[in-house]
C-alpha atoms as a PDB file:
ATOM      1  CA  MET A   1     125.367  92.812 -28.969  1.00  0.00           C
ATOM      2  CA  SER A   2     125.474  90.639 -25.751  1.00  0.00           C
ATOM      3  CA  MET A   3     124.100  87.707 -27.327  1.00  0.00           C
ATOM      4  CA  ASN A   4     126.814  87.604 -29.720  1.00  0.00           C
ATOM      5  CA  LEU A   5     129.389  88.206 -27.040  1.00  0.00           C
ATOM      6  CA  HIS A   6     127.877  85.182 -24.951  1.00  0.00           C
ATOM      7  CA  THR A   7     127.990  82.982 -27.963  1.00  0.00           C
ATOM      8  CA  SER A   8     131.668  83.722 -28.635  1.00  0.00           C
ATOM      9  CA  THR A   9     132.262  83.049 -25.031  1.00  0.00           C
ATOM     10  CA  GLN A  10     130.687  79.619 -25.212  1.00  0.00           C
ATOM     11  CA  ASP A  11     132.768  78.916 -28.594  1.00  0.00           C
ATOM     12  CA  LYS A  12     136.054  80.420 -26.671  1.00  0.00           C
ATOM     13  CA  MET A  13     134.952  77.710 -23.712  1.00  0.00           C
ATOM     14  CA  LYS A  14     134.720  74.629 -26.332  1.00  0.00           C
ATOM     15  CA  LEU A  15     138.207  75.667 -27.653  1.00  0.00           C
ATOM     16  CA  VAL A  16     140.018  76.147 -24.018  1.00  0.00           C
ATOM     17  CA  LYS A  17     138.153  72.593 -23.198  1.00  0.00           C
ATOM     18  CA  THR A  18     139.493  70.859 -26.508  1.00  0.00           C
ATOM     19  CA  ALA A  19     142.821  72.345 -25.945  1.00  0.00           C
ATOM     20  CA  TRP A  20     142.657  71.311 -22.294  1.00  0.00           C
ATOM     21  CA  ASP A  21     141.756  67.714 -23.255  1.00  0.00           C
ATOM     22  CA  LYS A  22     144.592  67.427 -25.672  1.00  0.00           C
ATOM     23  CA  ALA A  23     147.293  68.624 -23.526  1.00  0.00           C
ATOM     24  CA  PRO A  24     149.699  66.201 -21.831  1.00  0.00           C
ATOM     25  CA  ALA A  25     149.415  65.668 -17.995  1.00  0.00           C
ATOM     26  CA  GLY A  26     151.610  68.316 -15.847  1.00  0.00           C
ATOM     27  CA  PRO A  27     151.618  71.381 -14.048  1.00  0.00           C
ATOM     28  CA  LYS A  28     150.549  73.379 -17.072  1.00  0.00           C
ATOM     29  CA  LYS A  29     147.231  71.589 -17.598  1.00  0.00           C
ATOM     30  CA  ASP A  30     146.514  71.835 -13.982  1.00  0.00           C
ATOM     31  CA  ALA A  31     147.070  75.548 -13.940  1.00  0.00           C
ATOM     32  CA  ALA A  32     144.868  75.762 -17.135  1.00  0.00           C
ATOM     33  CA  LEU A  33     142.315  73.829 -15.205  1.00  0.00           C
ATOM     34  CA  THR A  34     142.166  76.318 -12.352  1.00  0.00           C
ATOM     35  CA  HIS A  35     141.700  79.253 -14.931  1.00  0.00           C
ATOM     36  CA  TYR A  36     139.043  77.088 -16.558  1.00  0.00           C
ATOM     37  CA  GLN A  37     137.053  76.248 -13.689  1.00  0.00           C
ATOM     38  CA  ALA A  38     137.057  80.038 -12.751  1.00  0.00           C
ATOM     39  CA  ALA A  39     135.784  80.800 -16.596  1.00  0.00           C
ATOM     40  CA  GLU A  40     132.840  78.271 -15.906  1.00  0.00           C
ATOM     41  CA  THR A  41     131.917  80.236 -12.640  1.00  0.00           C
ATOM     42  CA  ALA A  42     131.956  83.613 -14.202  1.00  0.00           C
ATOM     43  CA  MET A  43     129.788  82.004 -17.173  1.00  0.00           C
ATOM     44  CA  THR A  44     127.278  80.678 -14.794  1.00  0.00           C
ATOM     45  CA  ALA A  45     127.562  84.115 -13.033  1.00  0.00           C
ATOM     46  CA  LYS A  46     126.789  85.624 -16.789  1.00  0.00           C
ATOM     47  CA  ASN A  47     129.887  87.516 -16.248  1.00  0.00           C
ATOM     48  CA  ASP A  48     131.557  87.639 -19.854  1.00  0.00           C
ATOM     49  CA  PRO A  49     134.513  89.679 -19.700  1.00  0.00           C
ATOM     50  CA  ASP A  50     135.719  87.644 -16.739  1.00  0.00           C
ATOM     51  CA  CYS A  51     135.056  84.570 -18.173  1.00  0.00           C
ATOM     52  CA  LEU A  52     137.157  85.354 -21.424  1.00  0.00           C
ATOM     53  CA  LYS A  53     140.208  86.594 -18.827  1.00  0.00           C
ATOM     54  CA  SER A  54     140.097  83.288 -17.239  1.00  0.00           C
ATOM     55  CA  LEU A  55     140.069  81.648 -20.876  1.00  0.00           C
ATOM     56  CA  ASP A  56     142.837  83.475 -21.855  1.00  0.00           C
ATOM     57  CA  ALA A  57     144.676  82.840 -18.668  1.00  0.00           C
ATOM     58  CA  ALA A  58     143.854  79.084 -19.353  1.00  0.00           C
ATOM     59  CA  THR A  59     145.374  79.444 -22.989  1.00  0.00           C
ATOM     60  CA  LYS A  60     148.146  81.062 -21.654  1.00  0.00           C
ATOM     61  CA  ALA A  61     149.252  78.010 -19.196  1.00  0.00           C
ATOM     62  CA  LEU A  62     148.842  75.822 -21.653  1.00  0.00           C
ATOM     63  CA  ALA A  63     151.275  77.470 -24.200  1.00  0.00           C
END
């Protein structure tokens, strides 16, 4: 089960990164980058819950 969670986390990382890449420059993109970097750190630490939380925050920042 954790493998499926990890896979979905990786998929969400890709989706958020794509959205970030397409976003126009500005404060929203800067804020999203901070959250995305936190998600990368959490993923490296194999902390999927924190990673997903940071990805959600990045998505909100881009909205």
